[in-house]
N, C-alpha and C. Protein backbone atom coordinates (compact mmCIF):
# COMPACT_ATOMS: atom_id res chain seq x y z
N MET A 1 -127.21 148.10 37.07
CA MET A 1 -126.33 147.25 36.06
C MET A 1 -126.74 146.33 34.77
N ASN A 2 -128.19 146.22 34.56
CA ASN A 2 -129.18 145.58 33.80
C ASN A 2 -128.74 146.80 32.74
N GLU A 3 -128.80 147.75 32.87
CA GLU A 3 -128.51 149.04 31.95
C GLU A 3 -127.27 148.57 31.28
N GLU A 4 -126.37 148.42 32.05
CA GLU A 4 -124.67 148.20 31.26
C GLU A 4 -124.80 146.99 30.29
N VAL A 5 -125.38 146.18 30.61
CA VAL A 5 -125.44 144.71 30.36
C VAL A 5 -126.13 144.76 28.90
N ASN A 6 -127.22 145.62 28.98
CA ASN A 6 -127.93 145.85 27.83
C ASN A 6 -127.43 147.12 26.91
N ASN A 7 -126.67 147.51 27.36
CA ASN A 7 -126.17 148.76 26.28
C ASN A 7 -124.70 147.55 25.72
N LEU A 8 -124.14 146.63 26.62
CA LEU A 8 -123.20 146.09 25.88
C LEU A 8 -123.64 145.16 24.77
N ASN A 9 -124.44 144.34 25.27
CA ASN A 9 -125.49 143.27 24.08
C ASN A 9 -125.57 144.17 23.16
N GLU A 10 -126.09 145.40 23.35
CA GLU A 10 -126.38 146.25 21.87
C GLU A 10 -125.50 146.85 20.88
N LEU A 11 -124.14 146.92 21.41
CA LEU A 11 -122.68 147.61 20.87
C LEU A 11 -122.77 146.15 20.08
N LYS A 12 -122.60 144.73 20.86
CA LYS A 12 -122.21 143.75 20.01
C LYS A 12 -122.67 143.35 19.54
N SER A 13 -124.15 143.46 18.82
CA SER A 13 -125.45 143.39 17.76
C SER A 13 -124.70 144.06 16.86
N ASP A 14 -124.73 145.59 17.29
CA ASP A 14 -124.25 146.37 16.25
C ASP A 14 -122.83 146.23 15.36
N SER A 15 -121.82 146.14 16.27
CA SER A 15 -120.75 145.70 15.45
C SER A 15 -121.05 143.89 14.62
N GLN A 16 -121.30 143.17 15.07
CA GLN A 16 -121.92 141.75 13.70
C GLN A 16 -122.60 142.45 12.96
N SER A 17 -124.01 143.21 13.04
CA SER A 17 -124.16 143.63 11.84
C SER A 17 -123.58 144.61 10.89
N ASP A 18 -122.49 145.04 11.36
CA ASP A 18 -121.43 145.97 10.48
C ASP A 18 -120.71 144.74 9.50
N GLU A 19 -120.31 143.80 10.41
CA GLU A 19 -119.90 142.99 10.06
C GLU A 19 -120.19 141.91 8.64
N THR A 20 -121.62 141.78 9.03
CA THR A 20 -122.20 141.09 7.72
C THR A 20 -122.68 141.77 6.67
N LEU A 21 -122.49 143.36 7.12
CA LEU A 21 -122.87 144.00 5.97
C LEU A 21 -121.72 144.29 5.06
N GLN A 22 -120.16 144.28 5.58
CA GLN A 22 -119.35 144.45 4.64
C GLN A 22 -118.68 143.28 4.25
N PRO A 23 -119.12 143.51 2.74
CA PRO A 23 -118.62 141.93 1.70
C PRO A 23 -117.12 141.95 1.80
N ILE A 24 -116.46 140.99 1.86
CA ILE A 24 -115.09 140.61 1.93
C ILE A 24 -114.58 140.94 0.74
N GLU A 25 -113.76 141.37 0.39
CA GLU A 25 -112.69 142.21 -0.20
C GLU A 25 -112.06 141.01 -1.54
N PRO A 26 -112.51 141.00 -2.79
CA PRO A 26 -111.18 139.77 -3.28
C PRO A 26 -109.51 140.18 -3.28
N LYS A 27 -108.85 139.46 -3.21
CA LYS A 27 -107.29 139.41 -3.01
C LYS A 27 -106.60 139.36 -4.46
N ILE A 28 -106.44 140.41 -5.40
CA ILE A 28 -106.29 140.09 -6.55
C ILE A 28 -105.09 141.04 -6.97
N ASP A 29 -104.18 140.57 -7.54
CA ASP A 29 -103.10 141.18 -8.27
C ASP A 29 -103.29 142.18 -9.33
N ASN A 30 -102.21 142.89 -9.77
CA ASN A 30 -102.36 144.11 -10.70
C ASN A 30 -102.59 143.02 -12.14
N LEU A 31 -102.20 142.17 -12.31
CA LEU A 31 -102.76 141.56 -13.38
C LEU A 31 -103.85 140.56 -13.90
N GLY A 32 -104.45 140.56 -12.27
CA GLY A 32 -105.85 139.83 -12.28
C GLY A 32 -105.82 138.13 -11.97
N ARG A 33 -104.38 138.33 -11.11
CA ARG A 33 -104.51 137.22 -10.32
C ARG A 33 -104.83 136.85 -9.22
N SER A 34 -104.76 135.51 -8.54
CA SER A 34 -104.89 135.23 -7.18
C SER A 34 -103.83 134.15 -7.01
N TYR A 35 -103.28 134.85 -5.70
CA TYR A 35 -102.33 133.80 -5.11
C TYR A 35 -102.41 132.86 -4.13
N ALA A 36 -102.09 131.83 -3.92
CA ALA A 36 -102.27 131.07 -2.59
C ALA A 36 -100.87 130.00 -2.74
N THR A 37 -101.15 129.19 -1.36
CA THR A 37 -99.93 128.26 -1.38
C THR A 37 -100.66 127.34 -0.78
N GLY A 38 -100.57 125.93 -1.69
CA GLY A 38 -101.08 124.46 -0.98
C GLY A 38 -99.87 123.95 -1.16
N ARG A 39 -100.49 122.93 0.07
CA ARG A 39 -99.24 121.74 0.75
C ARG A 39 -100.06 120.58 1.09
N ARG A 40 -99.33 119.54 0.66
CA ARG A 40 -99.58 118.10 0.85
C ARG A 40 -98.07 117.21 1.11
N LYS A 41 -98.21 116.37 1.77
CA LYS A 41 -97.13 115.32 2.26
C LYS A 41 -95.73 116.37 2.41
N ASP A 42 -94.93 115.85 1.75
CA ASP A 42 -93.82 116.18 1.60
C ASP A 42 -93.68 117.54 0.23
N SER A 43 -94.82 117.71 -0.30
CA SER A 43 -95.08 118.82 -1.66
C SER A 43 -95.27 119.81 -1.08
N THR A 44 -95.11 120.94 -2.00
CA THR A 44 -95.36 122.54 -1.71
C THR A 44 -95.67 123.24 -2.93
N ALA A 45 -96.88 123.40 -3.36
CA ALA A 45 -97.23 124.32 -4.75
C ALA A 45 -97.40 125.69 -4.10
N ARG A 46 -97.00 126.58 -4.99
CA ARG A 46 -97.27 127.98 -5.26
C ARG A 46 -98.13 128.29 -6.91
N VAL A 47 -99.58 128.52 -6.15
CA VAL A 47 -100.97 128.71 -7.30
C VAL A 47 -101.26 129.94 -7.31
N TRP A 48 -101.38 130.78 -8.98
CA TRP A 48 -101.80 131.51 -9.68
C TRP A 48 -102.96 130.90 -10.40
N VAL A 49 -104.30 131.93 -10.04
CA VAL A 49 -105.51 131.68 -10.70
C VAL A 49 -105.61 132.76 -11.14
N LYS A 50 -106.35 132.83 -12.47
CA LYS A 50 -106.96 134.09 -13.43
C LYS A 50 -108.00 133.84 -14.08
N ARG A 51 -108.81 134.48 -14.38
CA ARG A 51 -109.90 134.35 -15.60
C ARG A 51 -109.40 133.68 -17.01
N GLY A 52 -109.81 132.98 -17.39
CA GLY A 52 -109.11 132.07 -18.67
C GLY A 52 -110.52 131.24 -19.29
N SER A 53 -109.68 130.15 -20.05
CA SER A 53 -110.11 129.65 -20.57
C SER A 53 -110.23 127.77 -20.22
N GLY A 54 -109.18 127.89 -18.66
CA GLY A 54 -109.26 126.58 -18.08
C GLY A 54 -108.21 126.02 -18.58
N VAL A 55 -106.99 126.70 -18.97
CA VAL A 55 -105.81 126.37 -19.35
C VAL A 55 -105.14 125.79 -17.91
N MET A 56 -104.49 124.77 -17.41
CA MET A 56 -103.82 124.53 -16.27
C MET A 56 -102.42 124.31 -16.63
N THR A 57 -101.46 124.93 -15.85
CA THR A 57 -99.84 124.70 -16.22
C THR A 57 -99.56 124.35 -15.09
N ILE A 58 -98.83 123.50 -15.00
CA ILE A 58 -97.81 122.85 -13.52
C ILE A 58 -96.20 122.88 -14.09
N ASN A 59 -95.38 123.62 -13.58
CA ASN A 59 -94.07 123.66 -13.83
C ASN A 59 -94.03 123.83 -15.36
N GLY A 60 -94.41 124.24 -15.85
CA GLY A 60 -94.63 124.95 -17.31
C GLY A 60 -94.75 123.76 -18.45
N LYS A 61 -95.43 122.98 -17.67
CA LYS A 61 -96.10 121.59 -18.23
C LYS A 61 -97.71 121.60 -18.49
N GLU A 62 -98.42 121.33 -19.54
CA GLU A 62 -99.79 121.65 -19.45
C GLU A 62 -100.25 120.28 -18.36
N MET A 63 -101.39 120.31 -17.72
CA MET A 63 -101.73 119.67 -16.25
C MET A 63 -101.80 118.19 -17.45
N PRO A 64 -102.45 117.66 -18.43
CA PRO A 64 -102.22 116.29 -18.97
C PRO A 64 -100.92 115.66 -18.97
N VAL A 65 -100.58 116.50 -18.93
CA VAL A 65 -98.58 116.13 -19.38
C VAL A 65 -97.95 115.83 -18.02
N TYR A 66 -98.32 116.65 -17.01
CA TYR A 66 -97.39 116.42 -15.76
C TYR A 66 -98.07 115.37 -15.01
N PHE A 67 -99.38 115.21 -14.83
CA PHE A 67 -100.21 114.27 -14.04
C PHE A 67 -100.80 113.80 -15.28
N ASP A 68 -100.08 112.40 -15.57
CA ASP A 68 -101.04 111.28 -16.51
C ASP A 68 -101.60 110.62 -16.38
N ARG A 69 -102.05 110.65 -14.67
CA ARG A 69 -102.95 109.65 -14.49
C ARG A 69 -104.23 110.26 -13.96
N PRO A 70 -104.86 109.36 -14.66
CA PRO A 70 -106.10 110.22 -14.52
C PRO A 70 -106.96 110.44 -13.17
N VAL A 71 -106.73 109.67 -12.23
CA VAL A 71 -106.95 110.34 -11.01
C VAL A 71 -106.27 111.36 -10.34
N LEU A 72 -105.35 111.87 -10.88
CA LEU A 72 -104.71 113.39 -10.37
C LEU A 72 -105.31 114.30 -10.90
N GLN A 73 -105.52 114.18 -12.31
CA GLN A 73 -106.27 114.97 -13.28
C GLN A 73 -107.65 115.00 -12.60
N MET A 74 -108.49 113.96 -12.44
CA MET A 74 -109.83 114.43 -11.39
C MET A 74 -109.44 115.12 -10.01
N GLN A 75 -108.65 115.35 -9.64
CA GLN A 75 -108.57 116.00 -8.22
C GLN A 75 -108.41 117.07 -8.59
N LEU A 76 -107.89 117.88 -9.35
CA LEU A 76 -107.59 119.09 -9.78
C LEU A 76 -108.84 119.76 -10.31
N ASN A 77 -109.36 118.50 -11.13
CA ASN A 77 -110.72 119.37 -12.01
C ASN A 77 -111.97 119.62 -10.93
N HIS A 78 -111.85 118.31 -9.54
CA HIS A 78 -112.87 118.66 -8.35
C HIS A 78 -112.99 119.80 -8.08
N VAL A 79 -112.08 120.87 -7.90
CA VAL A 79 -111.91 122.00 -7.13
C VAL A 79 -113.39 122.79 -7.74
N PHE A 80 -112.76 123.01 -9.23
CA PHE A 80 -113.61 123.50 -10.16
C PHE A 80 -115.30 123.31 -10.21
N GLU A 81 -115.42 121.50 -10.03
CA GLU A 81 -116.86 121.11 -10.18
C GLU A 81 -117.51 121.30 -8.72
N ILE A 82 -116.83 121.13 -7.68
CA ILE A 82 -117.57 121.88 -6.46
C ILE A 82 -117.81 123.55 -6.36
N ALA A 83 -117.08 124.39 -7.26
CA ALA A 83 -117.35 126.01 -7.12
C ALA A 83 -117.80 126.13 -8.90
N ASN A 84 -118.64 125.38 -9.61
CA ASN A 84 -119.53 125.43 -10.34
C ASN A 84 -118.25 126.38 -11.42
N ARG A 85 -117.40 126.60 -11.67
CA ARG A 85 -116.43 127.46 -12.65
C ARG A 85 -115.17 126.86 -13.24
N VAL A 86 -116.23 125.64 -13.96
CA VAL A 86 -115.52 124.33 -14.92
C VAL A 86 -115.11 125.29 -16.15
N LYS A 87 -113.87 125.29 -16.51
CA LYS A 87 -113.28 126.14 -17.86
C LYS A 87 -113.22 127.83 -18.13
N GLU A 88 -113.40 128.13 -16.47
CA GLU A 88 -113.38 129.57 -16.48
C GLU A 88 -111.87 130.25 -15.67
N PHE A 89 -111.34 129.42 -15.07
CA PHE A 89 -110.15 129.93 -14.99
C PHE A 89 -108.86 129.14 -15.14
N ASP A 90 -107.64 130.22 -15.57
CA ASP A 90 -106.53 129.58 -15.96
C ASP A 90 -106.02 129.35 -14.69
N VAL A 91 -105.28 128.08 -14.61
CA VAL A 91 -104.23 127.89 -13.32
C VAL A 91 -102.96 127.88 -13.77
N MET A 92 -101.78 128.34 -13.24
CA MET A 92 -100.10 128.16 -13.60
C MET A 92 -99.64 128.26 -11.74
N ALA A 93 -99.08 127.01 -11.61
CA ALA A 93 -98.70 126.55 -10.74
C ALA A 93 -97.54 125.71 -10.79
N THR A 94 -96.39 126.23 -9.60
CA THR A 94 -95.06 125.47 -9.51
C THR A 94 -94.98 125.16 -8.69
N VAL A 95 -94.62 123.17 -8.40
CA VAL A 95 -94.67 122.78 -7.23
C VAL A 95 -93.47 122.06 -7.22
N LYS A 96 -92.99 121.91 -5.67
CA LYS A 96 -91.66 120.96 -5.72
C LYS A 96 -91.92 119.77 -4.11
N GLY A 97 -90.90 119.05 -4.41
CA GLY A 97 -90.97 117.88 -3.12
C GLY A 97 -92.04 117.01 -3.14
N GLY A 98 -91.74 116.07 -2.69
CA GLY A 98 -92.83 114.62 -2.83
C GLY A 98 -92.95 114.44 -4.07
N GLY A 99 -94.31 113.37 -4.02
CA GLY A 99 -94.14 112.53 -5.19
C GLY A 99 -95.61 113.00 -6.28
N LEU A 100 -95.89 112.15 -7.44
CA LEU A 100 -96.94 112.92 -8.14
C LEU A 100 -98.11 112.87 -6.75
N SER A 101 -98.38 112.05 -6.34
CA SER A 101 -99.95 112.31 -5.75
C SER A 101 -99.83 113.14 -4.37
N GLY A 102 -98.57 113.49 -3.98
CA GLY A 102 -98.67 114.34 -2.79
C GLY A 102 -98.80 115.75 -3.89
N GLN A 103 -98.07 116.05 -4.83
CA GLN A 103 -98.05 117.17 -5.55
C GLN A 103 -99.43 117.59 -5.68
N ALA A 104 -100.03 116.62 -6.62
CA ALA A 104 -101.51 116.77 -7.03
C ALA A 104 -102.48 117.65 -5.46
N GLY A 105 -102.08 116.89 -4.54
CA GLY A 105 -102.69 117.33 -3.31
C GLY A 105 -102.57 118.73 -2.99
N ALA A 106 -101.17 118.98 -3.29
CA ALA A 106 -100.54 120.49 -2.92
C ALA A 106 -101.33 121.22 -3.98
N VAL A 107 -101.48 121.22 -5.00
CA VAL A 107 -101.83 121.95 -6.06
C VAL A 107 -103.48 121.70 -5.95
N LYS A 108 -103.79 121.16 -5.68
CA LYS A 108 -105.60 121.48 -5.29
C LYS A 108 -105.48 122.13 -4.17
N HIS A 109 -104.88 122.04 -3.16
CA HIS A 109 -105.29 122.51 -1.88
C HIS A 109 -105.14 124.30 -2.43
N GLY A 110 -103.61 124.29 -3.03
CA GLY A 110 -103.70 125.51 -3.39
C GLY A 110 -104.82 126.43 -4.57
N ILE A 111 -105.38 125.57 -5.51
CA ILE A 111 -105.86 126.53 -6.30
C ILE A 111 -107.30 126.41 -5.69
N SER A 112 -107.72 125.54 -4.32
CA SER A 112 -109.15 126.03 -3.61
C SER A 112 -109.08 127.27 -2.78
N ARG A 113 -107.44 127.51 -2.34
CA ARG A 113 -107.14 128.56 -1.63
C ARG A 113 -107.19 129.78 -2.28
N ALA A 114 -106.67 129.66 -3.53
CA ALA A 114 -106.22 131.07 -4.69
C ALA A 114 -108.10 131.10 -4.77
N LEU A 115 -108.79 130.19 -5.23
CA LEU A 115 -110.12 130.55 -5.99
C LEU A 115 -110.94 131.47 -4.07
N SER A 116 -110.70 131.05 -3.53
CA SER A 116 -111.78 131.54 -2.07
C SER A 116 -111.17 133.23 -2.47
N LEU A 117 -109.38 133.23 -2.57
CA LEU A 117 -109.24 134.66 -2.18
C LEU A 117 -109.79 135.77 -3.58
N PHE A 118 -110.08 134.73 -4.92
CA PHE A 118 -110.52 135.48 -5.75
C PHE A 118 -112.04 135.94 -5.67
N GLU A 119 -112.84 135.12 -5.47
CA GLU A 119 -113.89 134.80 -5.60
C GLU A 119 -114.42 134.54 -3.62
N PRO A 120 -114.70 135.41 -3.17
CA PRO A 120 -114.63 135.21 -1.51
C PRO A 120 -116.14 134.10 -1.28
N GLU A 121 -117.05 134.73 -2.03
CA GLU A 121 -118.26 134.06 -1.69
C GLU A 121 -118.32 132.75 -1.91
N LEU A 122 -117.06 131.87 -2.71
CA LEU A 122 -117.25 130.86 -2.72
C LEU A 122 -116.36 130.05 -1.88
N ARG A 123 -115.90 130.80 -0.95
CA ARG A 123 -115.55 130.17 0.42
C ARG A 123 -116.32 128.88 0.81
N THR A 124 -117.41 129.35 1.44
CA THR A 124 -118.18 128.87 2.25
C THR A 124 -118.58 126.99 1.55
N ALA A 125 -118.79 127.22 0.02
CA ALA A 125 -118.95 125.91 -0.90
C ALA A 125 -117.42 125.32 -0.91
N LEU A 126 -116.26 125.73 -0.87
CA LEU A 126 -115.33 125.24 -0.72
C LEU A 126 -114.56 124.52 0.86
N LYS A 127 -115.32 125.20 1.59
CA LYS A 127 -115.46 124.68 2.93
C LYS A 127 -115.95 123.59 3.37
N SER A 128 -116.75 123.82 3.29
CA SER A 128 -117.78 122.36 3.29
C SER A 128 -117.25 121.50 2.42
N ALA A 129 -116.66 121.23 1.39
CA ALA A 129 -116.38 120.08 0.51
C ALA A 129 -114.99 119.96 1.34
N GLY A 130 -114.39 120.31 2.06
CA GLY A 130 -113.09 120.04 2.92
C GLY A 130 -112.06 120.41 2.47
N LEU A 131 -112.10 121.25 0.78
CA LEU A 131 -111.11 121.78 -0.12
C LEU A 131 -109.95 122.60 0.73
N LEU A 132 -110.28 123.43 2.02
CA LEU A 132 -110.03 124.36 2.31
C LEU A 132 -108.55 124.06 3.23
N THR A 133 -108.92 123.04 3.95
CA THR A 133 -108.07 122.19 5.25
C THR A 133 -106.82 121.59 4.75
N ARG A 134 -106.14 122.14 4.99
CA ARG A 134 -104.79 121.27 4.50
C ARG A 134 -104.66 119.47 5.55
N ASP A 135 -104.24 119.06 4.55
CA ASP A 135 -104.23 117.53 5.12
C ASP A 135 -102.96 117.13 5.70
N SER A 136 -103.15 117.27 6.87
CA SER A 136 -101.57 117.21 7.88
C SER A 136 -101.22 115.98 7.79
N ARG A 137 -101.44 114.80 7.12
CA ARG A 137 -100.87 113.34 7.01
C ARG A 137 -99.93 113.49 6.62
N THR A 138 -98.91 113.05 7.19
CA THR A 138 -97.03 113.05 6.89
C THR A 138 -96.84 111.47 6.89
N VAL A 139 -95.61 111.07 6.64
CA VAL A 139 -95.04 110.10 6.80
C VAL A 139 -94.65 109.48 8.27
N GLU A 140 -94.72 108.46 8.90
CA GLU A 140 -94.08 108.33 10.40
C GLU A 140 -92.77 108.20 10.24
N ARG A 141 -91.92 108.92 10.89
CA ARG A 141 -90.54 108.78 11.25
C ARG A 141 -89.97 107.13 11.48
N LYS A 142 -89.29 107.16 10.77
CA LYS A 142 -88.07 105.70 11.47
C LYS A 142 -88.04 105.59 12.71
N LYS A 143 -88.12 104.88 13.23
CA LYS A 143 -87.49 104.43 14.91
C LYS A 143 -86.26 103.59 14.75
N TYR A 144 -85.44 103.93 15.72
CA TYR A 144 -83.78 103.22 15.62
C TYR A 144 -84.64 101.87 16.20
N GLY A 145 -83.66 100.75 15.66
CA GLY A 145 -83.74 99.00 16.08
C GLY A 145 -85.19 98.51 15.21
N LYS A 146 -85.59 99.39 14.48
CA LYS A 146 -86.47 99.02 13.53
C LYS A 146 -86.14 98.79 12.01
N ALA A 147 -87.11 98.08 11.13
CA ALA A 147 -86.59 98.42 9.74
C ALA A 147 -86.88 99.38 9.23
N LYS A 148 -88.43 99.70 9.57
CA LYS A 148 -89.20 101.14 8.89
C LYS A 148 -89.75 102.01 10.19
N ALA A 149 -91.27 102.42 9.60
CA ALA A 149 -91.28 103.16 11.29
C ALA A 149 -92.02 102.00 11.71
N ARG A 150 -92.56 101.20 11.87
CA ARG A 150 -93.57 100.37 12.75
C ARG A 150 -92.45 98.76 12.42
N LYS A 151 -91.89 98.88 11.11
CA LYS A 151 -91.59 96.92 10.78
C LYS A 151 -90.36 96.68 11.73
N SER A 152 -90.67 95.17 12.11
CA SER A 152 -89.16 95.03 12.56
C SER A 152 -88.57 93.78 12.16
N PHE A 153 -87.38 93.78 12.42
CA PHE A 153 -86.84 92.80 11.65
C PHE A 153 -87.05 91.12 11.83
N GLN A 154 -86.68 90.33 11.16
CA GLN A 154 -87.07 88.44 11.65
C GLN A 154 -86.65 88.15 12.96
N PHE A 155 -87.60 87.87 13.71
CA PHE A 155 -86.97 87.56 15.05
C PHE A 155 -86.61 86.34 14.84
N SER A 156 -85.54 85.82 15.56
CA SER A 156 -85.42 84.30 15.62
C SER A 156 -85.16 83.80 17.11
N LYS A 157 -85.51 82.92 17.61
CA LYS A 157 -85.49 82.88 19.07
C LYS A 157 -84.55 81.52 19.72
N ARG A 158 -83.88 81.11 18.66
CA ARG A 158 -82.35 80.84 18.72
C ARG A 158 -81.48 80.78 17.52
């Protein structure tokens, strides 16, 4: 019985060592791009990342034109700062739904996922910064008999 357990433990340790030796292959298409989808609130972004000079195009517009608020621009640049890859990748994204804040969050999520597919060794840094996790918070639905999700109409006793 003990011999069988030892054999099983040896097999487990051998299989784990094989997994650690094999590097994760990057997923890059024939045009040198990596693709990922990002989501935030009601927004969905399709993001392509490739090596380049740091040009970001969102829905056919440059990033500073599409996201004119500096906070939203900082969100997108934050991913490259965490990965230490500033001005090394070109980003092409199409984003639909929601408002500007949700769209910026969706593009940020898509960029971080695409970067982790392009360079798998960046995954640990992006994961520890919380950039690969989808922010699942959405708007609470409106309830019947209420003005909004929780707001009530004015109460009159008489």
